[in-house]
Amino acid sequence: MRLPNTAHTTRPWRIHEIAYDFRVEDVWALPTPGGPDDLAHLVKQVAGATGHYVDSPVGRALFALRWKLGALFGWDEPGTGVGERQAGLRDRLPADLREGSRGPDFRKFTSVYQTHDEWAAEMSNGTCRGVMHLGWVPDGSGGYHARMAVLVKPNGPFGAAYMAGIKLFRYTGVYPALLRQIGREWEASAHERAADRAR
């Protein structure tokens, strides 16, 4: 379910002090019901995913088109990644986050930091810089679930136009399939979480 941006901006997340010049693009409630300590399981699930980004034909086609366009126009060439074009967000971390858990890198994302209830990972290319932020929040009924916020910083007018141009495709072909996939994998790993809690 898509949430208003305030579902992210009003929470006391540490990412606010670090990615202060990024804008909130999207906020989603993830289908990941769990206990207070389960964010680490979700981080492991997301970072350990292999294969396609999403398992729907439409989503796979959109990602394939994006990589082809990126190769054609040089959006993903060396020199556009995290820490290459501009300093990465890890360079902004206060001492306690810099000395704490960094979290895992995955796919095209570089992990920025991981705490008990937050994980942030950054990507960069020729069109924009982006942050995926996972926050673990109470659901009001004694349980918890994740919220995913996407923060972006377009690279100039072209980057802003690119982000606006792909919005419809993200909402119709990418995010719905991604959330379904996360939910299925989360449900399938329920026994692992239960075993950890029993230890």
N, C-alpha and C. Protein backbone atom coordinates (compact mmCIF):
# COMPACT_ATOMS: atom_id res chain seq x y z
N MET A 1 0.84 -1.19 0.00
CA MET A 1 0.00 0.00 0.00
C MET A 1 0.88 1.25 0.00
N ARG A 2 0.55 2.18 -0.88
CA ARG A 2 1.29 3.44 -0.91
C ARG A 2 0.80 4.34 0.21
N LEU A 3 1.73 5.02 0.87
CA LEU A 3 1.43 5.89 2.00
C LEU A 3 1.79 7.32 1.66
N PRO A 4 1.21 8.29 2.38
CA PRO A 4 1.64 9.69 2.18
C PRO A 4 3.08 9.87 2.63
N ASN A 5 3.76 10.84 2.05
CA ASN A 5 5.16 11.08 2.40
C ASN A 5 5.35 11.34 3.89
N THR A 6 4.31 11.89 4.54
CA THR A 6 4.44 12.17 5.98
C THR A 6 4.60 10.90 6.81
N ALA A 7 4.21 9.74 6.25
CA ALA A 7 4.43 8.48 6.98
C ALA A 7 5.91 8.23 7.17
N HIS A 8 6.72 8.84 6.33
CA HIS A 8 8.18 8.76 6.48
C HIS A 8 8.75 9.99 7.17
N THR A 9 8.33 11.17 6.73
CA THR A 9 8.96 12.40 7.21
C THR A 9 8.67 12.71 8.67
N THR A 10 7.57 12.19 9.21
CA THR A 10 7.24 12.48 10.60
C THR A 10 7.84 11.47 11.58
N ARG A 11 8.47 10.43 11.08
CA ARG A 11 9.13 9.46 11.95
C ARG A 11 10.53 9.96 12.29
N PRO A 12 11.05 9.65 13.46
CA PRO A 12 12.37 10.15 13.87
C PRO A 12 13.52 9.32 13.29
N TRP A 13 13.53 9.14 11.98
CA TRP A 13 14.56 8.34 11.35
C TRP A 13 15.88 9.10 11.29
N ARG A 14 16.96 8.38 11.40
CA ARG A 14 18.29 9.00 11.29
C ARG A 14 18.60 9.46 9.87
N ILE A 15 17.92 8.88 8.90
CA ILE A 15 18.20 9.24 7.51
C ILE A 15 17.92 10.71 7.25
N HIS A 16 17.03 11.34 8.04
CA HIS A 16 16.69 12.74 7.81
C HIS A 16 17.91 13.65 7.95
N GLU A 17 18.78 13.33 8.90
CA GLU A 17 19.96 14.17 9.13
C GLU A 17 21.07 13.90 8.12
N ILE A 18 20.93 12.83 7.35
CA ILE A 18 21.99 12.43 6.43
C ILE A 18 21.63 12.76 4.98
N ALA A 19 20.42 12.40 4.58
CA ALA A 19 19.98 12.66 3.19
C ALA A 19 19.07 13.89 3.16
N TYR A 20 19.49 14.96 3.79
CA TYR A 20 18.67 16.16 3.93
C TYR A 20 18.40 16.87 2.61
N ASP A 21 19.23 16.61 1.59
CA ASP A 21 19.03 17.27 0.29
C ASP A 21 18.40 16.33 -0.74
N PHE A 22 17.88 15.21 -0.30
CA PHE A 22 17.11 14.30 -1.14
C PHE A 22 15.63 14.55 -0.89
N ARG A 23 14.80 14.31 -1.89
CA ARG A 23 13.36 14.45 -1.69
C ARG A 23 12.73 13.06 -1.57
N VAL A 24 11.64 12.99 -0.83
CA VAL A 24 10.90 11.74 -0.68
C VAL A 24 10.06 11.54 -1.94
N GLU A 25 10.33 10.47 -2.66
CA GLU A 25 9.62 10.18 -3.90
C GLU A 25 8.40 9.31 -3.64
N ASP A 26 8.56 8.26 -2.83
CA ASP A 26 7.49 7.32 -2.55
C ASP A 26 7.66 6.74 -1.16
N VAL A 27 6.53 6.35 -0.54
CA VAL A 27 6.55 5.63 0.72
C VAL A 27 5.54 4.49 0.61
N TRP A 28 5.96 3.30 1.01
CA TRP A 28 5.11 2.11 0.89
C TRP A 28 5.10 1.33 2.18
N ALA A 29 3.94 0.79 2.55
CA ALA A 29 3.85 -0.18 3.64
C ALA A 29 4.10 -1.55 3.05
N LEU A 30 5.05 -2.28 3.59
CA LEU A 30 5.40 -3.59 3.05
C LEU A 30 4.63 -4.69 3.77
N PRO A 31 4.27 -5.76 3.04
CA PRO A 31 3.53 -6.88 3.64
C PRO A 31 4.47 -7.81 4.40
N THR A 32 4.99 -7.29 5.53
CA THR A 32 6.01 -8.02 6.29
C THR A 32 5.66 -8.02 7.77
N PRO A 33 4.54 -8.61 8.17
CA PRO A 33 4.19 -8.62 9.59
C PRO A 33 5.23 -9.39 10.40
N GLY A 34 5.58 -8.84 11.55
CA GLY A 34 6.59 -9.51 12.35
C GLY A 34 6.67 -8.95 13.75
N GLY A 35 7.75 -9.29 14.43
CA GLY A 35 7.99 -8.85 15.79
C GLY A 35 8.93 -7.67 15.84
N PRO A 36 9.25 -7.18 17.02
CA PRO A 36 10.04 -5.95 17.15
C PRO A 36 11.47 -6.05 16.64
N ASP A 37 11.99 -7.26 16.52
CA ASP A 37 13.40 -7.42 16.16
C ASP A 37 13.60 -7.99 14.75
N ASP A 38 12.59 -7.92 13.92
CA ASP A 38 12.63 -8.65 12.65
C ASP A 38 13.18 -7.86 11.46
N LEU A 39 13.57 -6.60 11.63
CA LEU A 39 14.11 -5.88 10.48
C LEU A 39 15.33 -6.58 9.91
N ALA A 40 16.17 -7.13 10.77
CA ALA A 40 17.38 -7.81 10.29
C ALA A 40 17.05 -8.94 9.33
N HIS A 41 15.92 -9.63 9.55
CA HIS A 41 15.50 -10.70 8.64
C HIS A 41 15.12 -10.13 7.27
N LEU A 42 14.45 -8.98 7.28
CA LEU A 42 14.06 -8.37 6.01
C LEU A 42 15.28 -7.87 5.24
N VAL A 43 16.23 -7.29 5.94
CA VAL A 43 17.46 -6.85 5.29
C VAL A 43 18.16 -8.03 4.64
N LYS A 44 18.24 -9.14 5.35
CA LYS A 44 18.86 -10.35 4.80
C LYS A 44 18.11 -10.82 3.57
N GLN A 45 16.78 -10.77 3.62
CA GLN A 45 15.97 -11.21 2.48
C GLN A 45 16.21 -10.33 1.26
N VAL A 46 16.16 -9.02 1.46
CA VAL A 46 16.32 -8.09 0.33
C VAL A 46 17.72 -8.19 -0.25
N ALA A 47 18.72 -8.18 0.62
CA ALA A 47 20.10 -8.19 0.13
C ALA A 47 20.48 -9.52 -0.49
N GLY A 48 19.83 -10.60 -0.08
CA GLY A 48 20.18 -11.92 -0.59
C GLY A 48 19.40 -12.33 -1.82
N ALA A 49 18.51 -11.46 -2.29
CA ALA A 49 17.69 -11.82 -3.45
C ALA A 49 18.55 -12.01 -4.69
N THR A 50 18.23 -13.01 -5.48
CA THR A 50 18.93 -13.26 -6.74
C THR A 50 17.90 -13.29 -7.87
N GLY A 51 18.38 -13.36 -9.07
CA GLY A 51 17.48 -13.41 -10.21
C GLY A 51 16.95 -12.04 -10.56
N HIS A 52 15.72 -11.99 -11.08
CA HIS A 52 15.14 -10.74 -11.53
C HIS A 52 14.77 -9.85 -10.35
N TYR A 53 14.77 -8.54 -10.59
CA TYR A 53 14.33 -7.59 -9.57
C TYR A 53 12.88 -7.87 -9.18
N VAL A 54 12.03 -8.10 -10.17
CA VAL A 54 10.63 -8.45 -9.93
C VAL A 54 10.30 -9.66 -10.79
N ASP A 55 9.26 -10.40 -10.37
CA ASP A 55 8.96 -11.65 -11.07
C ASP A 55 7.76 -11.55 -12.01
N SER A 56 7.34 -10.34 -12.35
CA SER A 56 6.25 -10.19 -13.31
C SER A 56 6.83 -9.93 -14.70
N PRO A 57 6.18 -10.42 -15.75
CA PRO A 57 6.68 -10.17 -17.11
C PRO A 57 6.78 -8.69 -17.45
N VAL A 58 5.79 -7.91 -17.02
CA VAL A 58 5.82 -6.47 -17.31
C VAL A 58 7.00 -5.82 -16.60
N GLY A 59 7.17 -6.15 -15.32
CA GLY A 59 8.28 -5.59 -14.57
C GLY A 59 9.63 -5.96 -15.14
N ARG A 60 9.78 -7.23 -15.53
CA ARG A 60 11.05 -7.66 -16.13
C ARG A 60 11.31 -6.93 -17.44
N ALA A 61 10.26 -6.72 -18.24
CA ALA A 61 10.42 -6.02 -19.51
C ALA A 61 10.85 -4.57 -19.27
N LEU A 62 10.27 -3.93 -18.25
CA LEU A 62 10.63 -2.54 -17.96
C LEU A 62 12.08 -2.44 -17.49
N PHE A 63 12.52 -3.37 -16.64
CA PHE A 63 13.91 -3.35 -16.21
C PHE A 63 14.85 -3.60 -17.38
N ALA A 64 14.50 -4.55 -18.26
CA ALA A 64 15.34 -4.84 -19.42
C ALA A 64 15.46 -3.60 -20.31
N LEU A 65 14.35 -2.90 -20.50
CA LEU A 65 14.39 -1.68 -21.30
C LEU A 65 15.27 -0.62 -20.65
N ARG A 66 15.16 -0.50 -19.32
CA ARG A 66 15.99 0.49 -18.61
C ARG A 66 17.47 0.19 -18.78
N TRP A 67 17.88 -1.07 -18.68
CA TRP A 67 19.30 -1.40 -18.81
C TRP A 67 19.78 -1.15 -20.24
N LYS A 68 18.93 -1.42 -21.23
CA LYS A 68 19.31 -1.16 -22.62
C LYS A 68 19.47 0.33 -22.87
N LEU A 69 18.55 1.13 -22.36
CA LEU A 69 18.67 2.58 -22.51
C LEU A 69 19.88 3.11 -21.77
N GLY A 70 20.13 2.54 -20.60
CA GLY A 70 21.31 2.96 -19.84
C GLY A 70 22.60 2.68 -20.58
N ALA A 71 22.68 1.53 -21.23
CA ALA A 71 23.86 1.19 -22.02
C ALA A 71 23.99 2.10 -23.23
N LEU A 72 22.85 2.41 -23.86
CA LEU A 72 22.86 3.25 -25.06
C LEU A 72 23.30 4.67 -24.75
N PHE A 73 22.79 5.22 -23.66
CA PHE A 73 23.06 6.62 -23.33
C PHE A 73 24.14 6.82 -22.27
N GLY A 74 24.72 5.74 -21.79
CA GLY A 74 25.83 5.85 -20.84
C GLY A 74 25.43 6.23 -19.43
N TRP A 75 24.17 5.93 -19.04
CA TRP A 75 23.71 6.32 -17.71
C TRP A 75 24.41 5.55 -16.60
N ASP A 76 24.91 4.35 -16.89
CA ASP A 76 25.50 3.50 -15.85
C ASP A 76 27.00 3.30 -16.04
N GLU A 77 27.62 4.17 -16.79
CA GLU A 77 29.05 4.01 -17.06
C GLU A 77 29.88 4.24 -15.80
N PRO A 78 31.10 3.71 -15.77
CA PRO A 78 32.01 4.00 -14.65
C PRO A 78 32.13 5.51 -14.46
N GLY A 79 32.18 5.92 -13.22
CA GLY A 79 32.23 7.34 -12.91
C GLY A 79 30.89 7.92 -12.49
N THR A 80 29.81 7.10 -12.62
CA THR A 80 28.48 7.58 -12.22
C THR A 80 27.99 6.92 -10.94
N GLY A 81 28.75 5.96 -10.41
CA GLY A 81 28.29 5.20 -9.24
C GLY A 81 28.47 5.94 -7.93
N VAL A 82 28.08 5.29 -6.84
CA VAL A 82 28.18 5.87 -5.51
C VAL A 82 29.63 6.19 -5.19
N GLY A 83 29.87 7.42 -4.76
CA GLY A 83 31.22 7.84 -4.39
C GLY A 83 32.10 8.21 -5.56
N GLU A 84 31.59 8.12 -6.79
CA GLU A 84 32.41 8.45 -7.97
C GLU A 84 32.09 9.84 -8.50
N ARG A 85 30.84 10.07 -8.80
CA ARG A 85 30.42 11.38 -9.30
C ARG A 85 30.39 12.40 -8.17
N GLN A 86 29.89 11.98 -7.02
CA GLN A 86 29.84 12.79 -5.82
C GLN A 86 30.15 11.90 -4.63
N ALA A 87 30.47 12.52 -3.51
CA ALA A 87 30.73 11.73 -2.30
C ALA A 87 29.48 10.96 -1.90
N GLY A 88 29.65 9.74 -1.42
CA GLY A 88 28.53 8.94 -0.98
C GLY A 88 28.01 9.38 0.38
N LEU A 89 26.84 8.92 0.74
CA LEU A 89 26.23 9.33 2.00
C LEU A 89 26.98 8.81 3.22
N ARG A 90 27.76 7.76 3.06
CA ARG A 90 28.54 7.29 4.22
C ARG A 90 29.51 8.36 4.69
N ASP A 91 29.91 9.24 3.80
CA ASP A 91 30.82 10.32 4.19
C ASP A 91 30.13 11.34 5.10
N ARG A 92 28.81 11.31 5.17
CA ARG A 92 28.06 12.25 6.01
C ARG A 92 27.69 11.66 7.37
N LEU A 93 27.95 10.40 7.59
CA LEU A 93 27.45 9.75 8.79
C LEU A 93 28.09 10.33 10.06
N PRO A 94 27.27 10.53 11.11
CA PRO A 94 27.85 10.86 12.41
C PRO A 94 28.60 9.67 12.96
N ALA A 95 29.41 9.90 13.95
CA ALA A 95 30.33 8.87 14.45
C ALA A 95 29.61 7.60 14.86
N ASP A 96 28.46 7.71 15.54
CA ASP A 96 27.83 6.50 16.05
C ASP A 96 27.35 5.60 14.92
N LEU A 97 26.83 6.19 13.83
CA LEU A 97 26.40 5.37 12.70
C LEU A 97 27.59 4.86 11.90
N ARG A 98 28.61 5.67 11.77
CA ARG A 98 29.79 5.24 11.02
C ARG A 98 30.48 4.06 11.70
N GLU A 99 30.44 4.03 13.02
CA GLU A 99 31.09 2.96 13.77
C GLU A 99 30.17 1.77 14.01
N GLY A 100 28.89 1.91 13.68
CA GLY A 100 27.94 0.82 13.87
C GLY A 100 27.87 -0.08 12.66
N SER A 101 26.84 -0.89 12.61
CA SER A 101 26.68 -1.83 11.51
C SER A 101 26.46 -1.09 10.19
N ARG A 102 27.18 -1.50 9.17
CA ARG A 102 27.04 -0.87 7.87
C ARG A 102 25.90 -1.47 7.08
N GLY A 103 25.64 -2.75 7.27
CA GLY A 103 24.63 -3.42 6.48
C GLY A 103 25.21 -3.93 5.17
N PRO A 104 24.49 -4.80 4.48
CA PRO A 104 25.02 -5.43 3.26
C PRO A 104 24.77 -4.60 2.00
N ASP A 105 25.73 -4.62 1.10
CA ASP A 105 25.51 -4.10 -0.25
C ASP A 105 24.69 -5.13 -1.02
N PHE A 106 23.97 -4.68 -2.04
CA PHE A 106 23.23 -5.62 -2.88
C PHE A 106 22.97 -4.99 -4.23
N ARG A 107 23.04 -5.81 -5.25
CA ARG A 107 22.82 -5.38 -6.62
C ARG A 107 23.58 -4.08 -6.89
N LYS A 108 22.86 -3.01 -7.28
CA LYS A 108 23.52 -1.74 -7.59
C LYS A 108 23.53 -0.79 -6.40
N PHE A 109 23.16 -1.29 -5.23
CA PHE A 109 23.05 -0.45 -4.03
C PHE A 109 24.24 -0.66 -3.10
N THR A 110 24.70 0.44 -2.54
CA THR A 110 25.74 0.44 -1.52
C THR A 110 25.10 0.76 -0.18
N SER A 111 25.28 -0.11 0.80
CA SER A 111 24.65 0.12 2.09
C SER A 111 25.27 1.33 2.77
N VAL A 112 24.43 2.12 3.41
CA VAL A 112 24.88 3.32 4.12
C VAL A 112 25.01 3.04 5.61
N TYR A 113 23.96 2.51 6.22
CA TYR A 113 24.01 2.12 7.62
C TYR A 113 22.83 1.21 7.94
N GLN A 114 22.96 0.48 9.03
CA GLN A 114 21.87 -0.37 9.52
C GLN A 114 21.80 -0.26 11.03
N THR A 115 20.58 -0.03 11.55
CA THR A 115 20.35 -0.03 12.99
C THR A 115 19.28 -1.07 13.31
N HIS A 116 18.82 -1.07 14.54
CA HIS A 116 17.78 -2.02 14.93
C HIS A 116 16.49 -1.83 14.14
N ASP A 117 16.18 -0.58 13.78
CA ASP A 117 14.91 -0.33 13.09
C ASP A 117 15.04 0.47 11.80
N GLU A 118 16.25 0.61 11.27
CA GLU A 118 16.45 1.31 10.00
C GLU A 118 17.54 0.64 9.17
N TRP A 119 17.36 0.72 7.88
CA TRP A 119 18.43 0.34 6.93
C TRP A 119 18.32 1.26 5.73
N ALA A 120 19.45 1.82 5.34
CA ALA A 120 19.48 2.70 4.18
C ALA A 120 20.57 2.23 3.23
N ALA A 121 20.24 2.21 1.93
CA ALA A 121 21.20 1.83 0.90
C ALA A 121 21.08 2.82 -0.25
N GLU A 122 22.20 3.13 -0.86
CA GLU A 122 22.28 4.20 -1.86
C GLU A 122 22.69 3.67 -3.22
N MET A 123 22.14 4.26 -4.27
CA MET A 123 22.59 3.98 -5.63
C MET A 123 22.79 5.30 -6.36
N SER A 124 23.56 5.25 -7.43
CA SER A 124 23.82 6.45 -8.22
C SER A 124 24.09 6.05 -9.66
N ASN A 125 23.57 6.85 -10.58
CA ASN A 125 23.89 6.68 -12.00
C ASN A 125 23.80 8.05 -12.68
N GLY A 126 23.79 8.06 -13.99
CA GLY A 126 23.80 9.31 -14.71
C GLY A 126 22.52 10.11 -14.61
N THR A 127 21.43 9.50 -14.16
CA THR A 127 20.15 10.21 -14.08
C THR A 127 19.87 10.77 -12.69
N CYS A 128 20.26 10.04 -11.66
CA CYS A 128 19.93 10.49 -10.30
C CYS A 128 20.73 9.71 -9.27
N ARG A 129 20.64 10.20 -8.04
CA ARG A 129 21.06 9.42 -6.88
C ARG A 129 19.79 9.02 -6.15
N GLY A 130 19.78 7.84 -5.58
CA GLY A 130 18.60 7.36 -4.88
C GLY A 130 18.96 6.63 -3.61
N VAL A 131 18.05 6.66 -2.67
CA VAL A 131 18.21 5.94 -1.41
C VAL A 131 16.97 5.09 -1.18
N MET A 132 17.17 3.83 -0.87
CA MET A 132 16.10 2.98 -0.39
C MET A 132 16.23 2.91 1.12
N HIS A 133 15.20 3.34 1.82
CA HIS A 133 15.20 3.33 3.28
C HIS A 133 14.11 2.38 3.77
N LEU A 134 14.49 1.42 4.58
CA LEU A 134 13.54 0.53 5.23
C LEU A 134 13.49 0.90 6.70
N GLY A 135 12.28 1.19 7.17
CA GLY A 135 12.07 1.48 8.58
C GLY A 135 11.12 0.46 9.16
N TRP A 136 11.35 0.06 10.41
CA TRP A 136 10.54 -0.97 11.07
C TRP A 136 9.64 -0.26 12.08
N VAL A 137 8.32 -0.39 11.91
CA VAL A 137 7.39 0.42 12.69
C VAL A 137 6.33 -0.46 13.35
N PRO A 138 5.81 -0.04 14.52
CA PRO A 138 4.70 -0.76 15.13
C PRO A 138 3.43 -0.55 14.32
N ASP A 139 2.57 -1.57 14.32
CA ASP A 139 1.35 -1.49 13.51
C ASP A 139 0.12 -1.08 14.32
N GLY A 140 0.30 -0.82 15.61
CA GLY A 140 -0.81 -0.41 16.45
C GLY A 140 -1.58 -1.57 17.05
N SER A 141 -1.24 -2.79 16.68
CA SER A 141 -1.95 -3.97 17.19
C SER A 141 -1.00 -4.95 17.88
N GLY A 142 0.15 -4.46 18.27
CA GLY A 142 1.13 -5.31 18.94
C GLY A 142 2.17 -5.91 18.03
N GLY A 143 2.00 -5.74 16.72
CA GLY A 143 2.97 -6.25 15.77
C GLY A 143 3.77 -5.14 15.12
N TYR A 144 4.57 -5.52 14.14
CA TYR A 144 5.44 -4.58 13.43
C TYR A 144 5.43 -4.92 11.94
N HIS A 145 5.83 -3.96 11.14
CA HIS A 145 6.03 -4.20 9.71
C HIS A 145 6.99 -3.14 9.18
N ALA A 146 7.40 -3.31 7.95
CA ALA A 146 8.35 -2.38 7.34
C ALA A 146 7.63 -1.33 6.51
N ARG A 147 8.26 -0.17 6.47
CA ARG A 147 7.91 0.86 5.51
C ARG A 147 9.14 1.12 4.64
N MET A 148 8.90 1.21 3.36
CA MET A 148 9.98 1.50 2.42
C MET A 148 9.78 2.91 1.86
N ALA A 149 10.78 3.74 2.03
CA ALA A 149 10.77 5.07 1.44
C ALA A 149 11.84 5.13 0.35
N VAL A 150 11.50 5.76 -0.75
CA VAL A 150 12.44 5.98 -1.84
C VAL A 150 12.75 7.47 -1.87
N LEU A 151 14.03 7.80 -1.67
CA LEU A 151 14.48 9.19 -1.67
C LEU A 151 15.32 9.41 -2.92
N VAL A 152 15.15 10.55 -3.57
CA VAL A 152 15.88 10.78 -4.81
C VAL A 152 16.49 12.18 -4.85
N LYS A 153 17.54 12.28 -5.63
CA LYS A 153 18.19 13.56 -5.92
C LYS A 153 18.56 13.53 -7.40
N PRO A 154 17.69 14.08 -8.26
CA PRO A 154 17.96 14.02 -9.71
C PRO A 154 19.24 14.76 -10.07
N ASN A 155 19.91 14.27 -11.11
CA ASN A 155 21.10 14.93 -11.63
C ASN A 155 20.68 15.93 -12.70
N GLY A 156 20.35 17.14 -12.28
CA GLY A 156 20.02 18.21 -13.21
C GLY A 156 18.63 18.08 -13.81
N PRO A 157 18.31 18.96 -14.75
CA PRO A 157 16.98 18.96 -15.38
C PRO A 157 16.65 17.65 -16.08
N PHE A 158 17.65 17.04 -16.73
CA PHE A 158 17.36 15.76 -17.39
C PHE A 158 16.97 14.70 -16.38
N GLY A 159 17.68 14.65 -15.25
CA GLY A 159 17.35 13.68 -14.22
C GLY A 159 15.95 13.88 -13.67
N ALA A 160 15.56 15.14 -13.48
CA ALA A 160 14.21 15.43 -12.99
C ALA A 160 13.16 14.99 -14.01
N ALA A 161 13.43 15.25 -15.30
CA ALA A 161 12.49 14.83 -16.35
C ALA A 161 12.42 13.31 -16.44
N TYR A 162 13.56 12.65 -16.28
CA TYR A 162 13.59 11.19 -16.31
C TYR A 162 12.74 10.61 -15.19
N MET A 163 12.90 11.14 -13.97
CA MET A 163 12.12 10.62 -12.83
C MET A 163 10.63 10.83 -13.05
N ALA A 164 10.26 11.99 -13.59
CA ALA A 164 8.84 12.24 -13.86
C ALA A 164 8.33 11.31 -14.96
N GLY A 165 9.17 11.04 -15.96
CA GLY A 165 8.74 10.21 -17.08
C GLY A 165 8.52 8.76 -16.74
N ILE A 166 9.25 8.25 -15.74
CA ILE A 166 9.11 6.82 -15.40
C ILE A 166 8.13 6.58 -14.26
N LYS A 167 7.52 7.64 -13.72
CA LYS A 167 6.65 7.48 -12.55
C LYS A 167 5.51 6.50 -12.82
N LEU A 168 4.81 6.66 -13.93
CA LEU A 168 3.68 5.78 -14.23
C LEU A 168 4.13 4.33 -14.33
N PHE A 169 5.30 4.10 -14.95
CA PHE A 169 5.81 2.74 -15.10
C PHE A 169 6.16 2.13 -13.74
N ARG A 170 6.70 2.96 -12.85
CA ARG A 170 7.02 2.45 -11.50
C ARG A 170 5.75 2.03 -10.78
N TYR A 171 4.73 2.85 -10.86
CA TYR A 171 3.51 2.58 -10.11
C TYR A 171 2.71 1.41 -10.68
N THR A 172 2.77 1.21 -11.99
CA THR A 172 1.95 0.15 -12.59
C THR A 172 2.72 -1.14 -12.85
N GLY A 173 4.00 -1.05 -13.18
CA GLY A 173 4.73 -2.24 -13.58
C GLY A 173 5.79 -2.73 -12.63
N VAL A 174 6.23 -1.87 -11.70
CA VAL A 174 7.36 -2.24 -10.85
C VAL A 174 6.93 -2.43 -9.39
N TYR A 175 6.43 -1.39 -8.76
CA TYR A 175 6.14 -1.47 -7.33
C TYR A 175 5.13 -2.55 -6.96
N PRO A 176 3.99 -2.68 -7.66
CA PRO A 176 3.05 -3.74 -7.26
C PRO A 176 3.68 -5.13 -7.29
N ALA A 177 4.45 -5.40 -8.34
CA ALA A 177 5.10 -6.72 -8.43
C ALA A 177 6.17 -6.87 -7.36
N LEU A 178 6.91 -5.80 -7.09
CA LEU A 178 7.96 -5.87 -6.08
C LEU A 178 7.37 -6.15 -4.70
N LEU A 179 6.28 -5.46 -4.35
CA LEU A 179 5.68 -5.68 -3.04
C LEU A 179 5.10 -7.08 -2.90
N ARG A 180 4.49 -7.59 -3.97
CA ARG A 180 3.99 -8.96 -3.92
C ARG A 180 5.13 -9.95 -3.71
N GLN A 181 6.22 -9.72 -4.41
CA GLN A 181 7.37 -10.62 -4.28
C GLN A 181 7.96 -10.59 -2.88
N ILE A 182 8.09 -9.39 -2.31
CA ILE A 182 8.59 -9.26 -0.94
C ILE A 182 7.68 -10.00 0.02
N GLY A 183 6.36 -9.84 -0.15
CA GLY A 183 5.40 -10.50 0.73
C GLY A 183 5.48 -12.01 0.65
N ARG A 184 5.60 -12.56 -0.56
CA ARG A 184 5.70 -14.01 -0.72
C ARG A 184 6.96 -14.56 -0.06
N GLU A 185 8.07 -13.88 -0.28
CA GLU A 185 9.33 -14.35 0.30
C GLU A 185 9.32 -14.22 1.82
N TRP A 186 8.67 -13.17 2.31
CA TRP A 186 8.57 -12.99 3.76
C TRP A 186 7.75 -14.11 4.39
N GLU A 187 6.64 -14.43 3.77
CA GLU A 187 5.79 -15.50 4.28
C GLU A 187 6.51 -16.83 4.24
N ALA A 188 7.29 -17.06 3.18
CA ALA A 188 8.00 -18.32 3.04
C ALA A 188 9.09 -18.50 4.09
N SER A 189 9.58 -17.40 4.65
CA SER A 189 10.67 -17.48 5.63
C SER A 189 10.16 -17.40 7.06
N ALA A 190 8.86 -17.53 7.27
CA ALA A 190 8.29 -17.41 8.62
C ALA A 190 8.91 -18.40 9.59
N HIS A 191 9.21 -19.61 9.12
CA HIS A 191 9.76 -20.63 10.03
C HIS A 191 11.15 -20.23 10.52
N GLU A 192 11.94 -19.53 9.66
CA GLU A 192 13.27 -19.09 10.07
C GLU A 192 13.18 -18.05 11.19
N ARG A 193 12.25 -17.12 11.04
CA ARG A 193 12.09 -16.10 12.08
C ARG A 193 11.61 -16.72 13.39
N ALA A 194 10.68 -17.66 13.27
CA ALA A 194 10.19 -18.32 14.48
C ALA A 194 11.31 -19.08 15.18
N ALA A 195 12.17 -19.72 14.40
CA ALA A 195 13.29 -20.46 15.00
C ALA A 195 14.25 -19.53 15.70
N ASP A 196 14.50 -18.37 15.12
CA ASP A 196 15.40 -17.40 15.76
C ASP A 196 14.82 -16.89 17.07
N ARG A 197 13.52 -16.64 17.09
CA ARG A 197 12.90 -16.15 18.32
C ARG A 197 12.95 -17.21 19.42
N ALA A 198 12.92 -18.49 19.03
CA ALA A 198 12.92 -19.58 20.01
C ALA A 198 14.28 -19.81 20.63
N ARG A 199 15.32 -19.26 20.00
CA ARG A 199 16.67 -19.49 20.53
C ARG A 199 16.91 -18.69 21.79
